[in-house]
Amino acid sequence: MTYTIQIDIAHTATKTEIKNFASEYNCILSKFQPLGPAGGNHLCDFTSNSLDCIQELCDKLSYPHKNIEKI
């Protein structure tokens, strides 16, 4: 099973920094939209094959587990 979340990340973070951050939690940056749809923060999708790993990433980002989607 694969799990995913979509979240805004500060526009000051680089794509490389975000990728490295995701890998620390055994997740991947699966989609990156610079400056998001409204021109503000980056819109990022993170995915993982492990629910535990994506939950840890959510905890670090203060993002609710209820927003994790199964794909």
N, C-alpha and C. Protein backbone atom coordinates (compact mmCIF):
# COMPACT_ATOMS: atom_id res chain seq x y z
N MET A 1 0.85 -1.18 0.00
CA MET A 1 0.00 0.00 0.00
C MET A 1 0.90 1.24 0.00
N THR A 2 0.46 2.25 -0.70
CA THR A 2 1.19 3.52 -0.75
C THR A 2 0.34 4.60 -0.09
N TYR A 3 1.02 5.47 0.64
CA TYR A 3 0.36 6.55 1.37
C TYR A 3 0.90 7.88 0.89
N THR A 4 0.05 8.89 0.88
CA THR A 4 0.47 10.20 0.39
C THR A 4 -0.16 11.33 1.20
N ILE A 5 0.54 12.44 1.23
CA ILE A 5 -0.01 13.69 1.79
C ILE A 5 0.36 14.83 0.84
N GLN A 6 -0.45 15.87 0.88
CA GLN A 6 -0.15 17.08 0.12
C GLN A 6 -0.14 18.24 1.11
N ILE A 7 0.91 19.03 1.07
CA ILE A 7 1.08 20.09 2.06
C ILE A 7 1.88 21.24 1.46
N ASP A 8 1.63 22.43 1.96
CA ASP A 8 2.42 23.61 1.60
C ASP A 8 3.71 23.60 2.42
N ILE A 9 4.80 23.94 1.76
CA ILE A 9 6.11 24.07 2.42
C ILE A 9 6.60 25.49 2.15
N ALA A 10 7.23 26.09 3.13
CA ALA A 10 7.71 27.47 3.01
C ALA A 10 8.45 27.71 1.70
N HIS A 11 8.14 28.84 1.08
CA HIS A 11 8.74 29.18 -0.21
C HIS A 11 10.25 29.40 -0.12
N THR A 12 10.77 29.54 1.10
CA THR A 12 12.22 29.75 1.27
C THR A 12 13.01 28.45 1.20
N ALA A 13 12.32 27.30 1.30
CA ALA A 13 13.00 26.00 1.21
C ALA A 13 13.24 25.65 -0.25
N THR A 14 14.40 25.07 -0.53
CA THR A 14 14.70 24.63 -1.90
C THR A 14 14.16 23.23 -2.12
N LYS A 15 14.00 22.87 -3.38
CA LYS A 15 13.52 21.54 -3.72
C LYS A 15 14.47 20.48 -3.17
N THR A 16 15.76 20.73 -3.25
CA THR A 16 16.76 19.79 -2.73
C THR A 16 16.61 19.62 -1.22
N GLU A 17 16.40 20.71 -0.51
CA GLU A 17 16.22 20.63 0.94
C GLU A 17 14.98 19.82 1.29
N ILE A 18 13.91 20.02 0.53
CA ILE A 18 12.66 19.31 0.79
C ILE A 18 12.84 17.81 0.48
N LYS A 19 13.53 17.48 -0.61
CA LYS A 19 13.80 16.08 -0.93
C LYS A 19 14.61 15.40 0.16
N ASN A 20 15.64 16.09 0.63
CA ASN A 20 16.49 15.54 1.69
C ASN A 20 15.71 15.35 2.98
N PHE A 21 14.86 16.30 3.30
CA PHE A 21 14.02 16.21 4.49
C PHE A 21 13.11 14.99 4.40
N ALA A 22 12.48 14.79 3.26
CA ALA A 22 11.58 13.65 3.07
C ALA A 22 12.34 12.33 3.23
N SER A 23 13.52 12.27 2.67
CA SER A 23 14.29 11.01 2.73
C SER A 23 14.68 10.66 4.16
N GLU A 24 14.80 11.64 5.04
CA GLU A 24 15.10 11.36 6.45
C GLU A 24 13.99 10.53 7.09
N TYR A 25 12.79 10.58 6.53
CA TYR A 25 11.64 9.85 7.06
C TYR A 25 11.22 8.72 6.12
N ASN A 26 12.13 8.30 5.25
CA ASN A 26 11.87 7.23 4.28
C ASN A 26 10.64 7.52 3.43
N CYS A 27 10.49 8.77 3.07
CA CYS A 27 9.43 9.21 2.18
C CYS A 27 10.07 9.85 0.95
N ILE A 28 9.29 10.02 -0.10
CA ILE A 28 9.82 10.70 -1.28
C ILE A 28 8.95 11.91 -1.61
N LEU A 29 9.58 12.89 -2.18
CA LEU A 29 8.87 14.05 -2.71
C LEU A 29 8.38 13.65 -4.09
N SER A 30 7.09 13.36 -4.20
CA SER A 30 6.55 12.83 -5.45
C SER A 30 6.00 13.90 -6.38
N LYS A 31 5.73 15.07 -5.83
CA LYS A 31 5.26 16.18 -6.66
C LYS A 31 5.75 17.47 -6.01
N PHE A 32 6.22 18.39 -6.83
CA PHE A 32 6.72 19.67 -6.35
C PHE A 32 6.22 20.76 -7.27
N GLN A 33 5.39 21.64 -6.74
CA GLN A 33 4.92 22.78 -7.51
C GLN A 33 5.49 24.03 -6.87
N PRO A 34 6.51 24.62 -7.49
CA PRO A 34 7.12 25.81 -6.89
C PRO A 34 6.13 26.97 -6.80
N LEU A 35 6.17 27.61 -5.71
CA LEU A 35 5.34 28.79 -5.43
C LEU A 35 3.85 28.49 -5.55
N GLY A 36 3.46 27.27 -5.39
CA GLY A 36 2.06 26.85 -5.27
C GLY A 36 1.08 27.51 -6.21
N PRO A 37 -0.18 27.10 -6.12
CA PRO A 37 -1.19 27.60 -7.04
C PRO A 37 -1.52 29.08 -6.83
N ALA A 38 -1.30 29.60 -5.64
CA ALA A 38 -1.61 31.01 -5.37
C ALA A 38 -0.35 31.87 -5.38
N GLY A 39 0.78 31.28 -5.76
CA GLY A 39 2.02 32.04 -5.84
C GLY A 39 2.74 32.22 -4.52
N GLY A 40 2.37 31.47 -3.50
CA GLY A 40 2.99 31.58 -2.19
C GLY A 40 3.96 30.44 -1.93
N ASN A 41 3.63 29.61 -0.97
CA ASN A 41 4.49 28.48 -0.60
C ASN A 41 4.47 27.41 -1.69
N HIS A 42 5.49 26.53 -1.64
CA HIS A 42 5.56 25.40 -2.55
C HIS A 42 4.46 24.40 -2.18
N LEU A 43 3.85 23.77 -3.17
CA LEU A 43 2.89 22.71 -2.93
C LEU A 43 3.61 21.38 -3.17
N CYS A 44 3.65 20.54 -2.14
CA CYS A 44 4.42 19.31 -2.20
C CYS A 44 3.55 18.10 -1.87
N ASP A 45 3.78 17.02 -2.62
CA ASP A 45 3.19 15.73 -2.30
C ASP A 45 4.32 14.83 -1.83
N PHE A 46 4.08 14.14 -0.72
CA PHE A 46 5.03 13.18 -0.19
C PHE A 46 4.37 11.81 -0.22
N THR A 47 5.14 10.77 -0.56
CA THR A 47 4.60 9.42 -0.57
C THR A 47 5.55 8.48 0.17
N SER A 48 4.95 7.39 0.64
CA SER A 48 5.71 6.35 1.31
C SER A 48 4.93 5.04 1.23
N ASN A 49 5.65 3.95 1.25
CA ASN A 49 5.02 2.64 1.32
C ASN A 49 4.77 2.22 2.76
N SER A 50 5.20 3.05 3.69
CA SER A 50 5.05 2.75 5.11
C SER A 50 4.16 3.80 5.78
N LEU A 51 3.08 3.34 6.38
CA LEU A 51 2.21 4.26 7.11
C LEU A 51 2.96 4.89 8.28
N ASP A 52 3.77 4.11 8.97
CA ASP A 52 4.54 4.65 10.11
C ASP A 52 5.46 5.79 9.68
N CYS A 53 6.12 5.61 8.55
CA CYS A 53 7.06 6.64 8.07
C CYS A 53 6.33 7.93 7.71
N ILE A 54 5.22 7.82 7.00
CA ILE A 54 4.52 9.04 6.60
C ILE A 54 3.87 9.69 7.82
N GLN A 55 3.48 8.91 8.81
CA GLN A 55 2.96 9.49 10.05
C GLN A 55 4.05 10.26 10.79
N GLU A 56 5.28 9.73 10.80
CA GLU A 56 6.40 10.44 11.42
C GLU A 56 6.66 11.76 10.71
N LEU A 57 6.59 11.74 9.38
CA LEU A 57 6.77 12.97 8.60
C LEU A 57 5.66 13.97 8.96
N CYS A 58 4.45 13.50 9.06
CA CYS A 58 3.32 14.36 9.45
C CYS A 58 3.57 14.97 10.83
N ASP A 59 4.03 14.15 11.76
CA ASP A 59 4.30 14.65 13.11
C ASP A 59 5.34 15.76 13.09
N LYS A 60 6.37 15.57 12.31
CA LYS A 60 7.43 16.58 12.21
C LYS A 60 6.89 17.89 11.60
N LEU A 61 5.93 17.77 10.69
CA LEU A 61 5.36 18.95 10.02
C LEU A 61 4.11 19.49 10.74
N SER A 62 3.75 18.87 11.87
CA SER A 62 2.52 19.23 12.60
C SER A 62 1.31 19.16 11.67
N TYR A 63 1.24 18.09 10.92
CA TYR A 63 0.19 17.86 9.94
C TYR A 63 -0.65 16.68 10.42
N PRO A 64 -1.97 16.81 10.44
CA PRO A 64 -2.82 15.75 10.99
C PRO A 64 -2.79 14.46 10.20
N HIS A 65 -2.72 13.34 10.92
CA HIS A 65 -2.71 12.02 10.28
C HIS A 65 -3.96 11.76 9.48
N LYS A 66 -5.07 12.40 9.84
CA LYS A 66 -6.34 12.15 9.13
C LYS A 66 -6.26 12.57 7.65
N ASN A 67 -5.26 13.38 7.28
CA ASN A 67 -5.11 13.83 5.89
C ASN A 67 -4.25 12.89 5.04
N ILE A 68 -3.79 11.80 5.63
CA ILE A 68 -3.02 10.82 4.87
C ILE A 68 -4.00 10.04 3.98
N GLU A 69 -3.65 9.93 2.71
CA GLU A 69 -4.50 9.20 1.76
C GLU A 69 -3.81 7.91 1.32
N LYS A 70 -4.60 6.87 1.13
CA LYS A 70 -4.09 5.62 0.55
C LYS A 70 -4.27 5.70 -0.96
N ILE A 71 -3.23 5.32 -1.68
CA ILE A 71 -3.34 5.30 -3.14
C ILE A 71 -2.91 3.94 -3.68
